[in-house]
Amino acid sequence: MPNLEGMDTTTASPDSTGAGLPAAAGSPATATLAVANCFLVVDDHDKALSFYRDVLGFTVTQDVSMGDYRWLSVATPTQPELEITIQSVGGGPGTSEQDRSAMDTLLAKGLMSPLIFSCEDVDALFEHVRASGAAEVLQEPADQFYGVRDCAFRDPAGNMLRFKTALPDD
């Protein structure tokens, strides 16, 4: 279990006036908010597709090309409503060649934001991904002080992916 000492872990409790809650909390306009997409950039869509579809077992929900720009959307079997959109490095309107170059450099260094997945058995997942040879091992499974057992890989483009399983409460 993580050590929460010194952290504010309280949750505001509304009274009849709604005091203590952010202005939008409880609003009908925000009641159905959910994350729909998150994004990864890649330099090779075919390698990414092979990894996310064939190694991790994700379903392809979209594969769209517009000139040199391409994006794929994939979803995990347990969260089909949450799409991971895999897009070209530096793609999108208003992106300069300098921006593309900077993003390509960050991707090559593995410094883009990671995705973190949960799973039931991080050790089995680790062995499966390692055996595929499709991803670089960054960290073998290890128990963390904050209450998870996790491991880390770099996908074929260099994006960091972490996989975690909650540690049992003692």
N, C-alpha and C. Protein backbone atom coordinates (compact mmCIF):
# COMPACT_ATOMS: atom_id res chain seq x y z
N MET A 1 0.84 -1.18 0.00
CA MET A 1 0.00 0.00 0.00
C MET A 1 0.88 1.24 0.00
N PRO A 2 0.57 2.23 -0.79
CA PRO A 2 1.41 3.43 -0.84
C PRO A 2 1.39 4.20 0.47
N ASN A 3 2.47 4.89 0.73
CA ASN A 3 2.56 5.73 1.91
C ASN A 3 1.96 7.09 1.56
N LEU A 4 0.81 7.40 2.14
CA LEU A 4 0.11 8.65 1.84
C LEU A 4 0.33 9.70 2.92
N GLU A 5 1.23 9.41 3.85
CA GLU A 5 1.50 10.34 4.94
C GLU A 5 1.94 11.69 4.39
N GLY A 6 1.34 12.74 4.88
CA GLY A 6 1.69 14.09 4.45
C GLY A 6 0.97 14.55 3.20
N MET A 7 0.18 13.68 2.60
CA MET A 7 -0.56 14.05 1.39
C MET A 7 -2.00 14.38 1.77
N ASP A 8 -2.59 15.36 1.10
CA ASP A 8 -4.00 15.68 1.30
C ASP A 8 -4.82 14.71 0.47
N THR A 9 -5.44 13.76 1.12
CA THR A 9 -6.24 12.75 0.42
C THR A 9 -7.72 12.90 0.71
N THR A 10 -8.11 14.07 1.21
CA THR A 10 -9.52 14.29 1.52
C THR A 10 -10.30 14.60 0.25
N THR A 11 -11.55 14.27 0.28
CA THR A 11 -12.45 14.58 -0.81
C THR A 11 -13.50 15.53 -0.27
N ALA A 12 -13.73 16.62 -1.00
CA ALA A 12 -14.73 17.59 -0.56
C ALA A 12 -16.09 16.92 -0.53
N SER A 13 -16.86 17.22 0.47
CA SER A 13 -18.20 16.67 0.61
C SER A 13 -19.21 17.80 0.44
N PRO A 14 -20.12 17.67 -0.50
CA PRO A 14 -21.05 18.78 -0.73
C PRO A 14 -22.09 18.88 0.37
N ASP A 15 -22.49 20.09 0.65
CA ASP A 15 -23.67 20.27 1.49
C ASP A 15 -24.82 20.62 0.56
N SER A 16 -25.90 21.00 1.08
CA SER A 16 -27.07 21.26 0.23
C SER A 16 -26.85 22.41 -0.74
N THR A 17 -25.85 23.26 -0.50
CA THR A 17 -25.60 24.38 -1.40
C THR A 17 -24.58 24.03 -2.48
N GLY A 18 -23.96 22.85 -2.35
CA GLY A 18 -22.93 22.47 -3.32
C GLY A 18 -21.57 23.01 -2.95
N ALA A 19 -21.43 23.64 -1.78
CA ALA A 19 -20.15 24.17 -1.34
C ALA A 19 -19.15 23.03 -1.19
N GLY A 20 -17.92 23.30 -1.51
CA GLY A 20 -16.88 22.29 -1.37
C GLY A 20 -16.64 21.50 -2.64
N LEU A 21 -17.43 21.72 -3.67
CA LEU A 21 -17.24 21.02 -4.93
C LEU A 21 -16.85 22.01 -6.01
N PRO A 22 -16.09 21.56 -7.00
CA PRO A 22 -15.83 22.44 -8.14
C PRO A 22 -17.16 22.82 -8.79
N ALA A 23 -17.18 23.95 -9.47
CA ALA A 23 -18.42 24.47 -10.04
C ALA A 23 -19.11 23.48 -10.97
N ALA A 24 -18.36 22.67 -11.72
CA ALA A 24 -18.97 21.77 -12.70
C ALA A 24 -19.41 20.44 -12.11
N ALA A 25 -18.93 20.10 -10.90
CA ALA A 25 -19.26 18.80 -10.34
C ALA A 25 -20.76 18.65 -10.19
N GLY A 26 -21.27 17.52 -10.61
CA GLY A 26 -22.69 17.27 -10.47
C GLY A 26 -23.53 17.92 -11.55
N SER A 27 -22.92 18.66 -12.43
CA SER A 27 -23.65 19.33 -13.49
C SER A 27 -24.10 18.31 -14.52
N PRO A 28 -25.33 18.42 -15.02
CA PRO A 28 -25.77 17.51 -16.09
C PRO A 28 -24.86 17.59 -17.32
N ALA A 29 -24.25 18.75 -17.54
CA ALA A 29 -23.39 18.91 -18.71
C ALA A 29 -22.12 18.08 -18.60
N THR A 30 -21.68 17.74 -17.39
CA THR A 30 -20.43 17.00 -17.21
C THR A 30 -20.65 15.58 -16.70
N ALA A 31 -21.87 15.20 -16.48
CA ALA A 31 -22.17 13.91 -15.86
C ALA A 31 -21.73 12.70 -16.70
N THR A 32 -21.60 12.86 -18.00
CA THR A 32 -21.25 11.71 -18.84
C THR A 32 -19.86 11.80 -19.44
N LEU A 33 -19.02 12.69 -18.92
CA LEU A 33 -17.65 12.81 -19.45
C LEU A 33 -16.87 11.51 -19.28
N ALA A 34 -16.13 11.15 -20.29
CA ALA A 34 -15.25 9.99 -20.26
C ALA A 34 -14.12 10.23 -21.24
N VAL A 35 -12.96 9.67 -20.97
CA VAL A 35 -11.85 9.77 -21.91
C VAL A 35 -12.19 8.90 -23.12
N ALA A 36 -12.08 9.45 -24.31
CA ALA A 36 -12.41 8.73 -25.54
C ALA A 36 -11.17 8.33 -26.33
N ASN A 37 -10.15 9.19 -26.35
CA ASN A 37 -8.93 8.91 -27.11
C ASN A 37 -7.72 9.39 -26.33
N CYS A 38 -6.63 8.69 -26.49
CA CYS A 38 -5.32 9.17 -26.09
C CYS A 38 -4.42 8.95 -27.30
N PHE A 39 -3.30 9.64 -27.37
CA PHE A 39 -2.52 9.67 -28.60
C PHE A 39 -1.08 9.23 -28.37
N LEU A 40 -0.56 8.51 -29.35
CA LEU A 40 0.85 8.16 -29.44
C LEU A 40 1.35 8.60 -30.81
N VAL A 41 2.59 9.01 -30.89
CA VAL A 41 3.18 9.29 -32.20
C VAL A 41 4.15 8.17 -32.53
N VAL A 42 4.20 7.84 -33.81
CA VAL A 42 5.09 6.79 -34.28
C VAL A 42 5.75 7.21 -35.59
N ASP A 43 6.84 6.57 -35.90
CA ASP A 43 7.53 6.84 -37.16
C ASP A 43 7.28 5.76 -38.18
N ASP A 44 6.63 4.66 -37.79
CA ASP A 44 6.34 3.57 -38.71
C ASP A 44 5.02 2.92 -38.29
N HIS A 45 3.97 3.25 -39.02
CA HIS A 45 2.64 2.74 -38.66
C HIS A 45 2.52 1.23 -38.78
N ASP A 46 3.20 0.64 -39.75
CA ASP A 46 3.11 -0.81 -39.92
C ASP A 46 3.74 -1.56 -38.76
N LYS A 47 4.89 -1.08 -38.27
CA LYS A 47 5.51 -1.69 -37.09
C LYS A 47 4.60 -1.49 -35.86
N ALA A 48 4.04 -0.30 -35.72
CA ALA A 48 3.14 -0.03 -34.60
C ALA A 48 1.92 -0.94 -34.66
N LEU A 49 1.36 -1.08 -35.85
CA LEU A 49 0.19 -1.94 -36.02
C LEU A 49 0.52 -3.37 -35.64
N SER A 50 1.64 -3.88 -36.10
CA SER A 50 2.05 -5.25 -35.75
C SER A 50 2.19 -5.42 -34.25
N PHE A 51 2.75 -4.42 -33.58
CA PHE A 51 2.95 -4.53 -32.14
C PHE A 51 1.62 -4.45 -31.39
N TYR A 52 0.86 -3.40 -31.63
CA TYR A 52 -0.36 -3.19 -30.84
C TYR A 52 -1.45 -4.22 -31.17
N ARG A 53 -1.55 -4.61 -32.42
CA ARG A 53 -2.57 -5.59 -32.81
C ARG A 53 -2.10 -7.02 -32.53
N ASP A 54 -0.92 -7.37 -33.04
CA ASP A 54 -0.48 -8.76 -33.00
C ASP A 54 0.15 -9.18 -31.68
N VAL A 55 0.86 -8.29 -31.01
CA VAL A 55 1.49 -8.65 -29.74
C VAL A 55 0.55 -8.37 -28.57
N LEU A 56 -0.02 -7.16 -28.52
CA LEU A 56 -0.87 -6.80 -27.38
C LEU A 56 -2.33 -7.20 -27.57
N GLY A 57 -2.73 -7.59 -28.77
CA GLY A 57 -4.09 -8.07 -28.98
C GLY A 57 -5.15 -6.98 -29.09
N PHE A 58 -4.74 -5.76 -29.44
CA PHE A 58 -5.69 -4.67 -29.58
C PHE A 58 -6.47 -4.82 -30.89
N THR A 59 -7.66 -4.24 -30.93
CA THR A 59 -8.50 -4.24 -32.11
C THR A 59 -8.30 -2.93 -32.86
N VAL A 60 -8.16 -3.00 -34.16
CA VAL A 60 -8.04 -1.79 -34.98
C VAL A 60 -9.45 -1.25 -35.20
N THR A 61 -9.67 0.00 -34.82
CA THR A 61 -10.99 0.62 -35.01
C THR A 61 -11.01 1.60 -36.16
N GLN A 62 -9.84 2.13 -36.53
CA GLN A 62 -9.72 3.03 -37.69
C GLN A 62 -8.32 2.92 -38.27
N ASP A 63 -8.23 3.10 -39.58
CA ASP A 63 -6.95 3.21 -40.27
C ASP A 63 -7.18 4.22 -41.38
N VAL A 64 -6.72 5.45 -41.17
CA VAL A 64 -7.05 6.57 -42.06
C VAL A 64 -5.76 7.19 -42.60
N SER A 65 -5.76 7.47 -43.89
CA SER A 65 -4.63 8.17 -44.52
C SER A 65 -5.14 9.41 -45.23
N MET A 66 -4.35 10.49 -45.11
CA MET A 66 -4.60 11.73 -45.83
C MET A 66 -3.25 12.19 -46.36
N GLY A 67 -2.94 11.84 -47.58
CA GLY A 67 -1.61 12.15 -48.12
C GLY A 67 -0.56 11.35 -47.37
N ASP A 68 0.48 12.05 -46.87
CA ASP A 68 1.53 11.38 -46.11
C ASP A 68 1.17 11.16 -44.65
N TYR A 69 0.07 11.73 -44.22
CA TYR A 69 -0.33 11.65 -42.82
C TYR A 69 -1.26 10.44 -42.64
N ARG A 70 -1.00 9.65 -41.62
CA ARG A 70 -1.81 8.46 -41.34
C ARG A 70 -2.06 8.36 -39.86
N TRP A 71 -3.24 7.87 -39.51
CA TRP A 71 -3.46 7.53 -38.12
C TRP A 71 -4.25 6.24 -38.03
N LEU A 72 -3.93 5.50 -36.98
CA LEU A 72 -4.61 4.26 -36.64
C LEU A 72 -5.24 4.47 -35.28
N SER A 73 -6.38 3.90 -35.07
CA SER A 73 -6.95 3.86 -33.73
C SER A 73 -7.10 2.41 -33.35
N VAL A 74 -6.67 2.09 -32.14
CA VAL A 74 -6.76 0.74 -31.61
C VAL A 74 -7.41 0.80 -30.23
N ALA A 75 -7.96 -0.32 -29.81
CA ALA A 75 -8.61 -0.39 -28.49
C ALA A 75 -8.27 -1.73 -27.84
N THR A 76 -8.18 -1.71 -26.52
CA THR A 76 -7.94 -2.96 -25.79
C THR A 76 -9.24 -3.75 -25.73
N PRO A 77 -9.14 -5.07 -25.56
CA PRO A 77 -10.36 -5.88 -25.47
C PRO A 77 -11.25 -5.49 -24.28
N THR A 78 -10.66 -4.98 -23.20
CA THR A 78 -11.45 -4.67 -22.01
C THR A 78 -11.98 -3.24 -21.98
N GLN A 79 -11.51 -2.37 -22.86
CA GLN A 79 -11.97 -0.98 -22.93
C GLN A 79 -12.16 -0.56 -24.38
N PRO A 80 -13.10 -1.16 -25.08
CA PRO A 80 -13.26 -0.83 -26.50
C PRO A 80 -13.68 0.62 -26.74
N GLU A 81 -14.22 1.27 -25.73
CA GLU A 81 -14.65 2.67 -25.89
C GLU A 81 -13.49 3.66 -25.79
N LEU A 82 -12.34 3.23 -25.32
CA LEU A 82 -11.17 4.09 -25.21
C LEU A 82 -10.21 3.76 -26.34
N GLU A 83 -10.09 4.66 -27.29
CA GLU A 83 -9.22 4.42 -28.44
C GLU A 83 -7.86 5.07 -28.23
N ILE A 84 -6.83 4.31 -28.59
CA ILE A 84 -5.47 4.84 -28.62
C ILE A 84 -5.21 5.19 -30.08
N THR A 85 -5.04 6.47 -30.35
CA THR A 85 -4.82 6.94 -31.71
C THR A 85 -3.32 7.03 -31.95
N ILE A 86 -2.87 6.29 -32.94
CA ILE A 86 -1.46 6.22 -33.29
C ILE A 86 -1.28 7.07 -34.54
N GLN A 87 -0.55 8.17 -34.37
CA GLN A 87 -0.44 9.14 -35.47
C GLN A 87 1.00 9.35 -35.89
N SER A 88 1.17 9.95 -37.04
CA SER A 88 2.49 10.24 -37.59
C SER A 88 3.22 11.25 -36.71
N VAL A 89 4.53 11.11 -36.64
CA VAL A 89 5.34 12.08 -35.91
C VAL A 89 5.13 13.46 -36.54
N GLY A 90 4.78 14.43 -35.72
CA GLY A 90 4.64 15.80 -36.19
C GLY A 90 3.47 16.03 -37.11
N GLY A 91 2.56 15.11 -37.16
CA GLY A 91 1.40 15.28 -38.02
C GLY A 91 0.44 16.30 -37.44
N GLY A 92 -0.40 16.78 -38.26
CA GLY A 92 -1.42 17.72 -37.82
C GLY A 92 -1.19 19.10 -38.37
N PRO A 93 -2.26 19.84 -38.44
CA PRO A 93 -2.18 21.19 -39.01
C PRO A 93 -1.30 22.12 -38.18
N GLY A 94 -0.58 22.98 -38.85
CA GLY A 94 0.22 24.00 -38.18
C GLY A 94 1.54 23.50 -37.63
N THR A 95 1.91 22.25 -37.90
CA THR A 95 3.17 21.71 -37.40
C THR A 95 4.28 22.04 -38.39
N SER A 96 5.29 22.74 -37.92
CA SER A 96 6.40 23.13 -38.79
C SER A 96 7.40 21.98 -38.91
N GLU A 97 8.31 22.13 -39.85
CA GLU A 97 9.37 21.13 -40.01
C GLU A 97 10.24 21.09 -38.76
N GLN A 98 10.45 22.25 -38.13
CA GLN A 98 11.22 22.31 -36.89
C GLN A 98 10.50 21.55 -35.78
N ASP A 99 9.18 21.70 -35.70
CA ASP A 99 8.38 20.97 -34.71
C ASP A 99 8.50 19.46 -34.94
N ARG A 100 8.38 19.06 -36.20
CA ARG A 100 8.48 17.63 -36.54
C ARG A 100 9.84 17.07 -36.13
N SER A 101 10.88 17.82 -36.41
CA SER A 101 12.23 17.38 -36.07
C SER A 101 12.39 17.24 -34.55
N ALA A 102 11.88 18.21 -33.82
CA ALA A 102 11.97 18.15 -32.35
C ALA A 102 11.20 16.95 -31.81
N MET A 103 10.01 16.71 -32.34
CA MET A 103 9.21 15.56 -31.88
C MET A 103 9.91 14.25 -32.24
N ASP A 104 10.49 14.18 -33.42
CA ASP A 104 11.20 12.98 -33.85
C ASP A 104 12.37 12.69 -32.92
N THR A 105 13.08 13.74 -32.52
CA THR A 105 14.20 13.59 -31.59
C THR A 105 13.73 13.09 -30.24
N LEU A 106 12.65 13.68 -29.71
CA LEU A 106 12.11 13.25 -28.42
C LEU A 106 11.64 11.80 -28.48
N LEU A 107 10.99 11.43 -29.57
CA LEU A 107 10.52 10.05 -29.74
C LEU A 107 11.70 9.09 -29.77
N ALA A 108 12.74 9.43 -30.52
CA ALA A 108 13.92 8.57 -30.62
C ALA A 108 14.60 8.38 -29.27
N LYS A 109 14.51 9.38 -28.41
CA LYS A 109 15.09 9.29 -27.06
C LYS A 109 14.16 8.62 -26.06
N GLY A 110 12.91 8.34 -26.48
CA GLY A 110 11.95 7.73 -25.57
C GLY A 110 11.41 8.70 -24.54
N LEU A 111 11.36 9.98 -24.89
CA LEU A 111 10.95 11.01 -23.92
C LEU A 111 9.52 11.51 -24.10
N MET A 112 8.74 10.87 -24.97
CA MET A 112 7.34 11.26 -25.10
C MET A 112 6.58 10.68 -23.90
N SER A 113 5.42 11.19 -23.62
CA SER A 113 4.65 10.72 -22.46
C SER A 113 4.31 9.24 -22.59
N PRO A 114 4.46 8.50 -21.49
CA PRO A 114 4.16 7.06 -21.55
C PRO A 114 2.66 6.78 -21.44
N LEU A 115 2.29 5.58 -21.82
CA LEU A 115 0.96 5.05 -21.51
C LEU A 115 1.16 3.99 -20.44
N ILE A 116 0.22 3.92 -19.51
CA ILE A 116 0.29 2.93 -18.44
C ILE A 116 -0.97 2.09 -18.52
N PHE A 117 -0.78 0.78 -18.60
CA PHE A 117 -1.89 -0.17 -18.69
C PHE A 117 -1.94 -1.01 -17.41
N SER A 118 -3.13 -1.39 -17.03
CA SER A 118 -3.27 -2.34 -15.93
C SER A 118 -3.58 -3.71 -16.52
N CYS A 119 -3.20 -4.74 -15.80
CA CYS A 119 -3.45 -6.11 -16.22
C CYS A 119 -3.53 -7.00 -14.98
N GLU A 120 -4.02 -8.20 -15.15
CA GLU A 120 -4.15 -9.10 -14.01
C GLU A 120 -2.83 -9.72 -13.59
N ASP A 121 -1.95 -10.01 -14.55
CA ASP A 121 -0.70 -10.71 -14.26
C ASP A 121 0.44 -10.05 -15.02
N VAL A 122 1.11 -9.11 -14.37
CA VAL A 122 2.17 -8.35 -15.03
C VAL A 122 3.35 -9.25 -15.42
N ASP A 123 3.61 -10.28 -14.64
CA ASP A 123 4.72 -11.17 -14.96
C ASP A 123 4.46 -11.95 -16.25
N ALA A 124 3.24 -12.46 -16.42
CA ALA A 124 2.89 -13.19 -17.64
C ALA A 124 2.90 -12.24 -18.84
N LEU A 125 2.38 -11.04 -18.66
CA LEU A 125 2.39 -10.07 -19.75
C LEU A 125 3.82 -9.73 -20.14
N PHE A 126 4.67 -9.53 -19.15
CA PHE A 126 6.08 -9.22 -19.42
C PHE A 126 6.71 -10.32 -20.27
N GLU A 127 6.53 -11.57 -19.87
CA GLU A 127 7.13 -12.68 -20.62
C GLU A 127 6.59 -12.74 -22.05
N HIS A 128 5.29 -12.50 -22.22
CA HIS A 128 4.68 -12.51 -23.55
C HIS A 128 5.29 -11.43 -24.45
N VAL A 129 5.37 -10.21 -23.94
CA VAL A 129 5.90 -9.10 -24.76
C VAL A 129 7.38 -9.31 -25.02
N ARG A 130 8.13 -9.72 -24.00
CA ARG A 130 9.57 -9.95 -24.19
C ARG A 130 9.81 -11.04 -25.24
N ALA A 131 9.04 -12.12 -25.16
CA ALA A 131 9.21 -13.23 -26.11
C ALA A 131 8.89 -12.82 -27.54
N SER A 132 8.05 -11.81 -27.71
CA SER A 132 7.71 -11.36 -29.07
C SER A 132 8.90 -10.71 -29.76
N GLY A 133 9.83 -10.15 -28.98
CA GLY A 133 10.97 -9.46 -29.54
C GLY A 133 10.63 -8.13 -30.20
N ALA A 134 9.38 -7.69 -30.05
CA ALA A 134 8.91 -6.48 -30.73
C ALA A 134 9.08 -5.21 -29.92
N ALA A 135 9.52 -5.32 -28.68
CA ALA A 135 9.64 -4.14 -27.82
C ALA A 135 10.92 -4.26 -26.99
N GLU A 136 11.51 -3.12 -26.72
CA GLU A 136 12.72 -3.07 -25.90
C GLU A 136 12.34 -3.09 -24.42
N VAL A 137 12.95 -4.00 -23.66
CA VAL A 137 12.71 -4.07 -22.22
C VAL A 137 13.40 -2.90 -21.54
N LEU A 138 12.65 -2.13 -20.77
CA LEU A 138 13.21 -1.05 -19.97
C LEU A 138 13.31 -1.43 -18.50
N GLN A 139 12.32 -2.21 -18.02
CA GLN A 139 12.30 -2.61 -16.62
C GLN A 139 11.59 -3.93 -16.49
N GLU A 140 12.24 -4.90 -15.87
CA GLU A 140 11.59 -6.17 -15.59
C GLU A 140 10.57 -5.95 -14.47
N PRO A 141 9.63 -6.88 -14.29
CA PRO A 141 8.63 -6.71 -13.24
C PRO A 141 9.27 -6.50 -11.86
N ALA A 142 8.75 -5.50 -11.15
CA ALA A 142 9.26 -5.17 -9.82
C ALA A 142 8.14 -4.59 -8.98
N ASP A 143 8.17 -4.91 -7.68
CA ASP A 143 7.21 -4.32 -6.74
C ASP A 143 7.63 -2.89 -6.46
N GLN A 144 6.65 -1.98 -6.49
CA GLN A 144 6.92 -0.57 -6.25
C GLN A 144 6.33 -0.15 -4.90
N PHE A 145 6.96 0.81 -4.25
CA PHE A 145 6.52 1.27 -2.94
C PHE A 145 5.13 1.87 -2.98
N TYR A 146 4.64 2.29 -4.15
CA TYR A 146 3.34 2.95 -4.26
C TYR A 146 2.22 1.97 -4.56
N GLY A 147 2.46 0.66 -4.35
CA GLY A 147 1.37 -0.31 -4.36
C GLY A 147 1.12 -1.07 -5.63
N VAL A 148 2.05 -1.07 -6.57
CA VAL A 148 1.88 -1.85 -7.79
C VAL A 148 3.13 -2.68 -8.06
N ARG A 149 2.95 -3.71 -8.85
CA ARG A 149 4.05 -4.44 -9.47
C ARG A 149 3.98 -4.04 -10.93
N ASP A 150 5.09 -3.55 -11.48
CA ASP A 150 5.04 -3.09 -12.86
C ASP A 150 6.30 -3.43 -13.63
N CYS A 151 6.20 -3.23 -14.95
CA CYS A 151 7.33 -3.41 -15.85
C CYS A 151 7.21 -2.35 -16.93
N ALA A 152 8.26 -2.19 -17.73
CA ALA A 152 8.23 -1.15 -18.76
C ALA A 152 8.94 -1.63 -20.02
N PHE A 153 8.41 -1.17 -21.16
CA PHE A 153 8.96 -1.45 -22.48
C PHE A 153 8.97 -0.16 -23.29
N ARG A 154 9.73 -0.17 -24.37
CA ARG A 154 9.62 0.84 -25.42
C ARG A 154 9.02 0.14 -26.62
N ASP A 155 7.94 0.71 -27.17
CA ASP A 155 7.33 0.13 -28.37
C ASP A 155 8.27 0.33 -29.56
N PRO A 156 7.94 -0.20 -30.73
CA PRO A 156 8.86 -0.07 -31.87
C PRO A 156 9.24 1.36 -32.24
N ALA A 157 8.41 2.34 -31.89
CA ALA A 157 8.73 3.74 -32.19
C ALA A 157 9.51 4.42 -31.07
N GLY A 158 9.57 3.80 -29.91
CA GLY A 158 10.29 4.39 -28.78
C GLY A 158 9.40 4.89 -27.66
N ASN A 159 8.08 4.80 -27.81
CA ASN A 159 7.17 5.22 -26.74
C ASN A 159 7.29 4.29 -25.55
N MET A 160 7.34 4.86 -24.34
CA MET A 160 7.38 4.03 -23.15
C MET A 160 5.98 3.54 -22.82
N LEU A 161 5.89 2.24 -22.54
CA LEU A 161 4.65 1.63 -22.09
C LEU A 161 4.94 0.95 -20.77
N ARG A 162 4.09 1.22 -19.79
CA ARG A 162 4.23 0.55 -18.49
C ARG A 162 3.00 -0.32 -18.29
N PHE A 163 3.19 -1.45 -17.64
CA PHE A 163 2.12 -2.38 -17.35
C PHE A 163 2.16 -2.65 -15.86
N LYS A 164 0.99 -2.59 -15.21
CA LYS A 164 0.98 -2.71 -13.75
C LYS A 164 -0.14 -3.62 -13.28
N THR A 165 0.11 -4.20 -12.11
CA THR A 165 -0.86 -5.01 -11.38
C THR A 165 -0.82 -4.48 -9.95
N ALA A 166 -1.98 -4.29 -9.36
CA ALA A 166 -2.02 -3.83 -7.96
C ALA A 166 -1.44 -4.91 -7.05
N LEU A 167 -0.64 -4.48 -6.09
CA LEU A 167 -0.14 -5.40 -5.08
C LEU A 167 -1.25 -5.71 -4.09
N PRO A 168 -1.29 -6.92 -3.57
CA PRO A 168 -2.33 -7.25 -2.58
C PRO A 168 -2.14 -6.43 -1.32
N ASP A 169 -3.25 -6.07 -0.69
CA ASP A 169 -3.19 -5.37 0.59
C ASP A 169 -2.69 -6.34 1.65
N ASP A 170 -1.79 -5.87 2.47
CA ASP A 170 -1.26 -6.75 3.55
C ASP A 170 -2.03 -6.58 4.81
